[in-house]
């Protein structure tokens, strides 16, 4: 019995070391989502930047509030409230770069993480390629480690969200 407990303890210790090592080795994770929308870039970008349309495609979005600046103005700040598993999370989003019909760059920040997101819109004539790149960093070693192991889950959720955005854009007249 002692031998079993010793092995179990050592195994558990190794797992904990591996878990936290992942957060040390990879403090920031990056992932990308892509969709091609069968609408021109002006329509795609217009729907994407329409605050009223966010509820149609942003998963678990509960509320949006203005803090400072104007919509789509570099430096402007907005508060987003997202509900996951019955818990509300508040994110402060700051606009970092904006170029009409081409580029939308933000930083989302809360007590657990910071996420820099760059969304590019590439005109393909009557269609648009949307490429979103996220750079997510936990604010402590625990969350950095969690995000390393949750990377594929997070990327999958983002991809579903951008697939939903594609549907919303393609319903536009």
N, C-alpha and C. Protein backbone atom coordinates (compact mmCIF):
# COMPACT_ATOMS: atom_id res chain seq x y z
N UNK A 1 0.83 -1.19 0.00
CA UNK A 1 0.00 0.00 0.00
C UNK A 1 0.87 1.26 0.00
N UNK A 2 1.96 1.26 0.79
CA UNK A 2 2.87 2.40 0.84
C UNK A 2 3.51 2.64 -0.53
N UNK A 3 3.87 1.55 -1.18
CA UNK A 3 4.50 1.64 -2.49
C UNK A 3 3.54 2.27 -3.50
N UNK A 4 2.28 1.85 -3.44
CA UNK A 4 1.26 2.40 -4.33
C UNK A 4 1.08 3.90 -4.08
N UNK A 5 0.97 4.31 -2.82
CA UNK A 5 0.78 5.73 -2.49
C UNK A 5 1.99 6.55 -2.91
N UNK A 6 3.18 5.99 -2.74
CA UNK A 6 4.39 6.69 -3.15
C UNK A 6 4.40 6.90 -4.67
N UNK A 7 4.06 5.87 -5.42
CA UNK A 7 4.01 5.97 -6.89
C UNK A 7 2.92 6.94 -7.33
N UNK A 8 1.79 6.87 -6.68
CA UNK A 8 0.69 7.79 -7.02
C UNK A 8 1.10 9.23 -6.73
N UNK A 9 1.75 9.45 -5.62
CA UNK A 9 2.22 10.78 -5.26
C UNK A 9 3.24 11.32 -6.25
N UNK A 10 4.18 10.46 -6.64
CA UNK A 10 5.20 10.85 -7.62
C UNK A 10 4.55 11.14 -8.97
N UNK A 11 3.62 10.30 -9.37
CA UNK A 11 2.91 10.52 -10.63
C UNK A 11 2.15 11.84 -10.61
N UNK A 12 1.47 12.11 -9.52
CA UNK A 12 0.73 13.36 -9.37
C UNK A 12 1.68 14.55 -9.42
N UNK A 13 2.80 14.46 -8.77
CA UNK A 13 3.80 15.52 -8.77
C UNK A 13 4.31 15.78 -10.19
N UNK A 14 4.57 14.72 -10.93
CA UNK A 14 5.04 14.86 -12.32
C UNK A 14 3.97 15.55 -13.17
N UNK A 15 2.73 15.17 -12.99
CA UNK A 15 1.63 15.80 -13.74
C UNK A 15 1.54 17.29 -13.42
N UNK A 16 1.65 17.64 -12.15
CA UNK A 16 1.60 19.05 -11.73
C UNK A 16 2.78 19.82 -12.34
N UNK A 17 3.96 19.23 -12.32
CA UNK A 17 5.15 19.87 -12.88
C UNK A 17 4.97 20.09 -14.38
N UNK A 18 4.47 19.09 -15.08
CA UNK A 18 4.23 19.22 -16.52
C UNK A 18 3.20 20.32 -16.79
N UNK A 19 2.12 20.33 -16.01
CA UNK A 19 1.06 21.32 -16.17
C UNK A 19 1.62 22.74 -16.06
N UNK A 20 2.34 23.02 -14.98
CA UNK A 20 2.87 24.37 -14.78
C UNK A 20 4.02 24.69 -15.71
N UNK A 21 4.78 23.70 -16.12
CA UNK A 21 5.85 23.91 -17.09
C UNK A 21 5.30 24.40 -18.42
N UNK A 22 4.13 23.90 -18.79
CA UNK A 22 3.51 24.33 -20.04
C UNK A 22 3.25 25.83 -20.03
N UNK A 23 2.77 26.35 -18.91
CA UNK A 23 2.51 27.79 -18.79
C UNK A 23 3.78 28.62 -18.77
N UNK A 24 4.87 28.04 -18.26
CA UNK A 24 6.15 28.74 -18.24
C UNK A 24 6.74 28.77 -19.65
N UNK A 25 6.69 27.64 -20.34
CA UNK A 25 7.26 27.52 -21.68
C UNK A 25 6.45 28.28 -22.74
N UNK A 26 5.14 28.34 -22.56
CA UNK A 26 4.25 28.96 -23.54
C UNK A 26 3.34 29.98 -22.84
N UNK A 27 3.88 31.14 -22.48
CA UNK A 27 3.05 32.11 -21.75
C UNK A 27 1.91 32.69 -22.59
N UNK A 28 2.08 32.70 -23.90
CA UNK A 28 1.05 33.20 -24.82
C UNK A 28 0.73 32.12 -25.83
N UNK A 29 -0.55 31.90 -26.06
CA UNK A 29 -0.94 30.96 -27.13
C UNK A 29 -1.56 31.76 -28.26
N UNK A 30 -1.36 31.27 -29.47
CA UNK A 30 -1.91 31.92 -30.65
C UNK A 30 -2.72 30.91 -31.44
N UNK A 31 -3.81 31.39 -32.01
CA UNK A 31 -4.61 30.53 -32.89
C UNK A 31 -5.34 31.40 -33.88
N UNK A 32 -5.79 30.78 -34.96
CA UNK A 32 -6.38 31.52 -36.07
C UNK A 32 -7.70 30.89 -36.50
N UNK A 33 -8.64 31.75 -36.85
CA UNK A 33 -9.92 31.31 -37.42
C UNK A 33 -10.08 31.98 -38.77
N UNK A 34 -10.64 31.24 -39.73
CA UNK A 34 -10.82 31.77 -41.09
C UNK A 34 -12.20 31.41 -41.60
N UNK A 35 -12.80 32.35 -42.31
CA UNK A 35 -14.03 32.07 -43.05
C UNK A 35 -13.99 32.85 -44.36
N UNK A 36 -14.63 32.29 -45.37
CA UNK A 36 -14.84 33.01 -46.61
C UNK A 36 -16.33 33.25 -46.73
N UNK A 37 -16.70 34.52 -46.84
CA UNK A 37 -18.08 34.95 -46.86
C UNK A 37 -18.48 35.32 -48.28
N UNK A 38 -19.64 34.88 -48.69
CA UNK A 38 -20.13 35.16 -50.04
C UNK A 38 -20.86 36.51 -50.10
N UNK A 39 -20.16 37.52 -49.65
CA UNK A 39 -20.62 38.91 -49.71
C UNK A 39 -19.37 39.78 -49.89
N UNK A 40 -19.54 40.96 -50.50
CA UNK A 40 -18.38 41.84 -50.67
C UNK A 40 -17.84 42.34 -49.33
N UNK A 41 -16.62 42.82 -49.35
CA UNK A 41 -15.93 43.24 -48.13
C UNK A 41 -16.68 44.35 -47.39
N UNK A 42 -17.33 45.26 -48.12
CA UNK A 42 -18.05 46.36 -47.47
C UNK A 42 -19.19 45.83 -46.61
N UNK A 43 -19.91 44.84 -47.12
CA UNK A 43 -21.01 44.23 -46.36
C UNK A 43 -20.46 43.44 -45.17
N UNK A 44 -19.42 42.64 -45.41
CA UNK A 44 -18.84 41.81 -44.35
C UNK A 44 -18.30 42.66 -43.21
N UNK A 45 -17.56 43.70 -43.54
CA UNK A 45 -16.98 44.57 -42.52
C UNK A 45 -18.08 45.34 -41.80
N UNK A 46 -19.09 45.78 -42.55
CA UNK A 46 -20.20 46.52 -41.95
C UNK A 46 -20.95 45.70 -40.91
N UNK A 47 -21.22 44.44 -41.21
CA UNK A 47 -21.91 43.57 -40.25
C UNK A 47 -21.00 43.31 -39.06
N UNK A 48 -19.73 43.03 -39.31
CA UNK A 48 -18.78 42.73 -38.24
C UNK A 48 -18.68 43.89 -37.25
N UNK A 49 -18.67 45.12 -37.74
CA UNK A 49 -18.48 46.28 -36.87
C UNK A 49 -19.80 46.84 -36.33
N UNK A 50 -20.92 46.24 -36.66
CA UNK A 50 -22.22 46.70 -36.17
C UNK A 50 -22.46 46.12 -34.77
N UNK A 51 -22.41 46.99 -33.76
CA UNK A 51 -22.55 46.53 -32.37
C UNK A 51 -23.88 45.81 -32.13
N UNK A 52 -24.93 46.19 -32.84
CA UNK A 52 -26.23 45.54 -32.65
C UNK A 52 -26.26 44.12 -33.18
N UNK A 53 -25.37 43.80 -34.11
CA UNK A 53 -25.31 42.46 -34.70
C UNK A 53 -24.45 41.49 -33.87
N UNK A 54 -23.67 42.02 -32.93
CA UNK A 54 -22.78 41.16 -32.14
C UNK A 54 -23.53 40.04 -31.43
N UNK A 55 -24.72 40.34 -30.93
CA UNK A 55 -25.50 39.35 -30.20
C UNK A 55 -25.91 38.17 -31.09
N UNK A 56 -25.91 38.39 -32.41
CA UNK A 56 -26.29 37.34 -33.36
C UNK A 56 -25.19 36.31 -33.58
N UNK A 57 -23.94 36.68 -33.27
CA UNK A 57 -22.86 35.74 -33.58
C UNK A 57 -21.81 35.55 -32.48
N UNK A 58 -21.71 36.46 -31.53
CA UNK A 58 -20.72 36.30 -30.45
C UNK A 58 -21.32 35.39 -29.38
N UNK A 59 -20.71 34.25 -29.18
CA UNK A 59 -21.19 33.23 -28.25
C UNK A 59 -21.23 33.77 -26.83
N UNK A 60 -22.36 33.54 -26.16
CA UNK A 60 -22.54 33.85 -24.74
C UNK A 60 -22.47 35.34 -24.40
N UNK A 61 -22.59 36.22 -25.38
CA UNK A 61 -22.58 37.66 -25.11
C UNK A 61 -23.87 38.06 -24.41
N UNK A 62 -23.72 38.69 -23.25
CA UNK A 62 -24.87 39.11 -22.46
C UNK A 62 -25.11 40.61 -22.53
N UNK A 63 -24.03 41.39 -22.63
CA UNK A 63 -24.19 42.84 -22.66
C UNK A 63 -22.95 43.55 -23.16
N UNK A 64 -23.19 44.80 -23.62
CA UNK A 64 -22.12 45.65 -24.11
C UNK A 64 -22.33 47.03 -23.49
N UNK A 65 -21.26 47.67 -23.07
CA UNK A 65 -21.36 49.03 -22.54
C UNK A 65 -20.22 49.89 -23.00
N UNK A 66 -20.53 51.11 -23.33
CA UNK A 66 -19.52 52.07 -23.77
C UNK A 66 -18.79 52.62 -22.56
N UNK A 67 -17.46 52.73 -22.66
CA UNK A 67 -16.66 53.32 -21.58
C UNK A 67 -16.11 54.68 -22.02
N UNK A 68 -15.41 54.69 -23.18
CA UNK A 68 -14.84 55.96 -23.68
C UNK A 68 -14.56 55.86 -25.16
N UNK A 69 -14.45 57.04 -25.79
CA UNK A 69 -14.17 57.10 -27.22
C UNK A 69 -15.41 56.81 -28.04
N UNK A 70 -15.23 56.73 -29.33
CA UNK A 70 -16.32 56.44 -30.26
C UNK A 70 -16.12 55.06 -30.86
N UNK A 71 -17.20 54.50 -31.35
CA UNK A 71 -17.10 53.17 -31.97
C UNK A 71 -16.08 53.21 -33.10
N UNK A 72 -15.23 52.20 -33.15
CA UNK A 72 -14.21 52.01 -34.18
C UNK A 72 -13.13 53.08 -34.17
N UNK A 73 -13.00 53.81 -33.07
CA UNK A 73 -11.95 54.82 -32.92
C UNK A 73 -10.81 54.21 -32.11
N UNK A 74 -9.58 54.35 -32.63
CA UNK A 74 -8.43 53.81 -31.92
C UNK A 74 -8.38 54.43 -30.52
N UNK A 75 -8.23 53.58 -29.51
CA UNK A 75 -8.20 54.03 -28.12
C UNK A 75 -9.54 53.93 -27.42
N UNK A 76 -10.62 53.72 -28.18
CA UNK A 76 -11.94 53.62 -27.55
C UNK A 76 -12.02 52.36 -26.70
N UNK A 77 -12.85 52.41 -25.66
CA UNK A 77 -12.98 51.28 -24.73
C UNK A 77 -14.45 50.92 -24.58
N UNK A 78 -14.68 49.60 -24.55
CA UNK A 78 -16.02 49.05 -24.40
C UNK A 78 -15.98 47.93 -23.38
N UNK A 79 -17.07 47.78 -22.65
CA UNK A 79 -17.18 46.68 -21.69
C UNK A 79 -18.10 45.62 -22.29
N UNK A 80 -17.64 44.39 -22.27
CA UNK A 80 -18.43 43.26 -22.73
C UNK A 80 -18.69 42.35 -21.55
N UNK A 81 -19.90 41.87 -21.43
CA UNK A 81 -20.23 40.89 -20.39
C UNK A 81 -20.59 39.59 -21.09
N UNK A 82 -19.86 38.54 -20.76
CA UNK A 82 -20.05 37.22 -21.35
C UNK A 82 -20.43 36.27 -20.22
N UNK A 83 -21.41 35.41 -20.49
CA UNK A 83 -21.82 34.42 -19.49
C UNK A 83 -21.38 33.04 -19.95
N UNK A 84 -20.64 32.35 -19.09
CA UNK A 84 -20.23 30.98 -19.37
C UNK A 84 -20.51 30.13 -18.15
N UNK A 85 -21.24 29.05 -18.37
CA UNK A 85 -21.61 28.13 -17.29
C UNK A 85 -22.26 28.86 -16.11
N UNK A 86 -23.10 29.84 -16.43
CA UNK A 86 -23.84 30.56 -15.40
C UNK A 86 -23.07 31.65 -14.69
N UNK A 87 -21.81 31.87 -15.06
CA UNK A 87 -20.99 32.91 -14.44
C UNK A 87 -20.75 34.04 -15.44
N UNK A 88 -20.95 35.28 -14.98
CA UNK A 88 -20.68 36.45 -15.83
C UNK A 88 -19.21 36.84 -15.72
N UNK A 89 -18.63 37.14 -16.88
CA UNK A 89 -17.26 37.62 -16.96
C UNK A 89 -17.27 38.96 -17.67
N UNK A 90 -16.54 39.91 -17.13
CA UNK A 90 -16.45 41.23 -17.73
C UNK A 90 -15.13 41.38 -18.46
N UNK A 91 -15.19 41.87 -19.69
CA UNK A 91 -14.00 42.13 -20.49
C UNK A 91 -13.98 43.59 -20.87
N UNK A 92 -12.84 44.21 -20.79
CA UNK A 92 -12.67 45.57 -21.28
C UNK A 92 -11.93 45.47 -22.61
N UNK A 93 -12.59 45.94 -23.66
CA UNK A 93 -12.00 45.86 -25.00
C UNK A 93 -11.53 47.23 -25.43
N UNK A 94 -10.27 47.32 -25.86
CA UNK A 94 -9.68 48.57 -26.33
C UNK A 94 -9.33 48.43 -27.80
N UNK A 95 -9.75 49.38 -28.60
CA UNK A 95 -9.44 49.38 -30.04
C UNK A 95 -7.98 49.80 -30.22
N UNK A 96 -7.22 48.94 -30.89
CA UNK A 96 -5.79 49.19 -31.10
C UNK A 96 -5.49 49.68 -32.52
N UNK A 97 -6.25 49.21 -33.51
CA UNK A 97 -6.05 49.65 -34.89
C UNK A 97 -7.35 49.43 -35.66
N UNK A 98 -7.61 50.31 -36.61
CA UNK A 98 -8.84 50.21 -37.40
C UNK A 98 -8.57 50.79 -38.77
N UNK A 99 -8.89 50.01 -39.78
CA UNK A 99 -8.82 50.49 -41.16
C UNK A 99 -10.07 49.98 -41.86
N UNK A 100 -10.92 50.91 -42.27
CA UNK A 100 -12.21 50.58 -42.86
C UNK A 100 -12.08 49.49 -43.93
N UNK A 101 -12.90 48.46 -43.79
CA UNK A 101 -12.98 47.34 -44.74
C UNK A 101 -11.71 46.50 -44.83
N UNK A 102 -10.76 46.69 -43.90
CA UNK A 102 -9.51 45.94 -43.97
C UNK A 102 -9.05 45.34 -42.64
N UNK A 103 -9.11 46.13 -41.56
CA UNK A 103 -8.43 45.71 -40.34
C UNK A 103 -9.18 46.18 -39.10
N UNK A 104 -9.24 45.27 -38.10
CA UNK A 104 -9.89 45.55 -36.82
C UNK A 104 -9.05 44.86 -35.75
N UNK A 105 -8.34 45.65 -34.93
CA UNK A 105 -7.43 45.08 -33.93
C UNK A 105 -7.86 45.57 -32.55
N UNK A 106 -8.07 44.62 -31.63
CA UNK A 106 -8.47 44.97 -30.27
C UNK A 106 -7.65 44.22 -29.24
N UNK A 107 -7.72 44.73 -28.02
CA UNK A 107 -7.18 44.04 -26.87
C UNK A 107 -8.33 43.85 -25.89
N UNK A 108 -8.61 42.61 -25.51
CA UNK A 108 -9.62 42.31 -24.50
C UNK A 108 -8.88 41.96 -23.22
N UNK A 109 -9.31 42.56 -22.12
CA UNK A 109 -8.59 42.40 -20.87
C UNK A 109 -9.57 42.14 -19.73
N UNK A 110 -9.25 41.20 -18.87
CA UNK A 110 -10.01 41.00 -17.63
C UNK A 110 -9.05 40.51 -16.56
N UNK A 111 -9.56 40.08 -15.43
CA UNK A 111 -8.68 39.70 -14.32
C UNK A 111 -7.92 38.39 -14.58
N UNK A 112 -8.38 37.58 -15.55
CA UNK A 112 -7.75 36.29 -15.81
C UNK A 112 -6.77 36.30 -16.98
N UNK A 113 -7.04 37.13 -17.99
CA UNK A 113 -6.23 37.08 -19.20
C UNK A 113 -6.27 38.39 -19.96
N UNK A 114 -5.39 38.47 -20.96
CA UNK A 114 -5.44 39.52 -21.97
C UNK A 114 -5.39 38.81 -23.32
N UNK A 115 -6.18 39.33 -24.28
CA UNK A 115 -6.27 38.70 -25.59
C UNK A 115 -6.18 39.77 -26.67
N UNK A 116 -5.10 39.72 -27.44
CA UNK A 116 -4.94 40.62 -28.58
C UNK A 116 -5.49 39.91 -29.81
N UNK A 117 -6.47 40.54 -30.46
CA UNK A 117 -7.12 39.92 -31.61
C UNK A 117 -6.99 40.84 -32.82
N UNK A 118 -6.47 40.28 -33.90
CA UNK A 118 -6.35 41.00 -35.16
C UNK A 118 -7.27 40.32 -36.18
N UNK A 119 -8.19 41.08 -36.74
CA UNK A 119 -9.12 40.54 -37.73
C UNK A 119 -8.87 41.27 -39.05
N UNK A 120 -8.49 40.50 -40.07
CA UNK A 120 -8.23 41.05 -41.40
C UNK A 120 -9.38 40.69 -42.33
N UNK A 121 -9.73 41.62 -43.20
CA UNK A 121 -10.77 41.42 -44.20
C UNK A 121 -10.10 41.57 -45.56
N UNK A 122 -10.13 40.49 -46.35
CA UNK A 122 -9.47 40.48 -47.65
C UNK A 122 -10.53 40.34 -48.72
N UNK A 123 -10.61 41.37 -49.58
CA UNK A 123 -11.60 41.37 -50.65
C UNK A 123 -11.22 40.36 -51.71
N UNK A 124 -12.19 39.54 -52.09
CA UNK A 124 -12.01 38.56 -53.16
C UNK A 124 -13.09 38.81 -54.22
N UNK A 125 -13.30 40.09 -54.56
CA UNK A 125 -14.34 40.45 -55.52
C UNK A 125 -15.70 40.48 -54.84
N UNK A 126 -16.52 39.48 -55.15
CA UNK A 126 -17.86 39.42 -54.55
C UNK A 126 -17.87 38.63 -53.23
N UNK A 127 -16.72 38.18 -52.79
CA UNK A 127 -16.63 37.48 -51.51
C UNK A 127 -15.52 38.11 -50.65
N UNK A 128 -15.48 37.70 -49.40
CA UNK A 128 -14.51 38.25 -48.45
C UNK A 128 -13.90 37.13 -47.62
N UNK A 129 -12.59 37.16 -47.49
CA UNK A 129 -11.93 36.24 -46.57
C UNK A 129 -11.69 37.00 -45.27
N UNK A 130 -12.14 36.40 -44.16
CA UNK A 130 -11.95 36.99 -42.83
C UNK A 130 -10.99 36.08 -42.07
N UNK A 131 -9.90 36.67 -41.60
CA UNK A 131 -8.89 35.92 -40.85
C UNK A 131 -8.71 36.59 -39.49
N UNK A 132 -9.01 35.85 -38.43
CA UNK A 132 -8.88 36.37 -37.08
C UNK A 132 -7.74 35.63 -36.37
N UNK A 133 -6.78 36.38 -35.86
CA UNK A 133 -5.66 35.81 -35.13
C UNK A 133 -5.73 36.28 -33.68
N UNK A 134 -5.76 35.33 -32.76
CA UNK A 134 -5.83 35.64 -31.33
C UNK A 134 -4.51 35.30 -30.66
N UNK A 135 -4.06 36.18 -29.79
CA UNK A 135 -2.87 35.96 -28.96
C UNK A 135 -3.31 36.11 -27.51
N UNK A 136 -3.49 34.99 -26.85
CA UNK A 136 -4.08 34.92 -25.51
C UNK A 136 -3.01 34.65 -24.47
N UNK A 137 -3.02 35.47 -23.40
CA UNK A 137 -2.03 35.29 -22.34
C UNK A 137 -2.73 35.34 -20.99
N UNK A 138 -2.58 34.29 -20.22
CA UNK A 138 -3.11 34.26 -18.86
C UNK A 138 -2.34 35.22 -17.98
N UNK A 139 -3.00 35.73 -16.95
CA UNK A 139 -2.35 36.72 -16.08
C UNK A 139 -1.58 36.09 -14.93
N UNK A 140 -1.63 34.77 -14.83
CA UNK A 140 -0.79 34.09 -13.85
C UNK A 140 -0.43 32.71 -14.40
N UNK A 141 0.47 32.04 -13.75
CA UNK A 141 0.99 30.76 -14.25
C UNK A 141 -0.11 29.71 -14.38
N UNK A 142 -1.08 29.73 -13.48
CA UNK A 142 -2.16 28.76 -13.56
C UNK A 142 -2.95 28.94 -14.86
N UNK A 143 -3.40 30.18 -15.14
CA UNK A 143 -4.20 30.41 -16.34
C UNK A 143 -3.39 30.24 -17.62
N UNK A 144 -2.12 30.59 -17.59
CA UNK A 144 -1.27 30.35 -18.77
C UNK A 144 -1.23 28.86 -19.08
N UNK A 145 -1.10 28.06 -18.05
CA UNK A 145 -1.05 26.60 -18.23
C UNK A 145 -2.40 26.07 -18.72
N UNK A 146 -3.48 26.55 -18.13
CA UNK A 146 -4.81 26.13 -18.57
C UNK A 146 -4.99 26.43 -20.05
N UNK A 147 -4.61 27.63 -20.48
CA UNK A 147 -4.81 28.02 -21.88
C UNK A 147 -3.98 27.18 -22.84
N UNK A 148 -2.79 26.76 -22.41
CA UNK A 148 -1.98 25.89 -23.27
C UNK A 148 -2.75 24.60 -23.56
N UNK A 149 -3.33 24.01 -22.52
CA UNK A 149 -4.03 22.74 -22.70
C UNK A 149 -5.43 22.91 -23.30
N UNK A 150 -5.97 24.13 -23.25
CA UNK A 150 -7.31 24.39 -23.79
C UNK A 150 -7.26 25.04 -25.17
N UNK A 151 -6.09 25.15 -25.73
CA UNK A 151 -5.90 25.86 -27.00
C UNK A 151 -6.84 25.38 -28.10
N UNK A 152 -6.92 24.08 -28.31
CA UNK A 152 -7.75 23.55 -29.40
C UNK A 152 -9.23 23.78 -29.12
N UNK A 153 -9.63 23.70 -27.87
CA UNK A 153 -11.01 23.99 -27.48
C UNK A 153 -11.33 25.47 -27.75
N UNK A 154 -10.43 26.37 -27.34
CA UNK A 154 -10.64 27.80 -27.55
C UNK A 154 -10.69 28.14 -29.03
N UNK A 155 -9.78 27.55 -29.80
CA UNK A 155 -9.76 27.78 -31.24
C UNK A 155 -11.04 27.27 -31.88
N UNK A 156 -11.51 26.11 -31.46
CA UNK A 156 -12.76 25.55 -31.98
C UNK A 156 -13.95 26.45 -31.68
N UNK A 157 -13.99 27.01 -30.48
CA UNK A 157 -15.08 27.93 -30.13
C UNK A 157 -15.03 29.20 -30.98
N UNK A 158 -13.83 29.73 -31.18
CA UNK A 158 -13.70 30.91 -32.03
C UNK A 158 -14.12 30.60 -33.46
N UNK A 159 -13.72 29.43 -33.96
CA UNK A 159 -14.09 29.08 -35.33
C UNK A 159 -15.61 28.98 -35.48
N UNK A 160 -16.27 28.39 -34.49
CA UNK A 160 -17.74 28.30 -34.52
C UNK A 160 -18.36 29.70 -34.53
N UNK A 161 -17.76 30.61 -33.78
CA UNK A 161 -18.27 31.97 -33.72
C UNK A 161 -18.12 32.66 -35.09
N UNK A 162 -16.97 32.48 -35.74
CA UNK A 162 -16.77 33.09 -37.06
C UNK A 162 -17.62 32.39 -38.13
N UNK A 163 -17.88 31.11 -37.97
CA UNK A 163 -18.81 30.44 -38.88
C UNK A 163 -20.21 31.04 -38.73
N UNK A 164 -20.60 31.36 -37.50
CA UNK A 164 -21.89 32.00 -37.24
C UNK A 164 -21.90 33.41 -37.83
N UNK A 165 -20.79 34.13 -37.72
CA UNK A 165 -20.67 35.45 -38.33
C UNK A 165 -20.90 35.35 -39.84
N UNK A 166 -20.32 34.36 -40.47
CA UNK A 166 -20.50 34.13 -41.91
C UNK A 166 -21.99 34.01 -42.24
N UNK A 167 -22.72 33.22 -41.45
CA UNK A 167 -24.16 33.05 -41.67
C UNK A 167 -24.90 34.38 -41.54
N UNK A 168 -24.55 35.14 -40.52
CA UNK A 168 -25.22 36.43 -40.28
C UNK A 168 -24.94 37.38 -41.45
N UNK A 169 -23.69 37.45 -41.91
CA UNK A 169 -23.33 38.33 -43.02
C UNK A 169 -24.07 37.91 -44.28
N UNK A 170 -24.11 36.61 -44.56
CA UNK A 170 -24.71 36.14 -45.81
C UNK A 170 -26.23 36.31 -45.84
N UNK A 171 -26.85 36.58 -44.68
CA UNK A 171 -28.29 36.87 -44.65
C UNK A 171 -28.58 38.32 -44.99
N UNK A 172 -27.55 39.16 -45.02
CA UNK A 172 -27.72 40.58 -45.35
C UNK A 172 -28.09 40.74 -46.81
N UNK A 173 -28.94 41.74 -47.07
CA UNK A 173 -29.34 42.02 -48.46
C UNK A 173 -28.37 42.96 -49.13
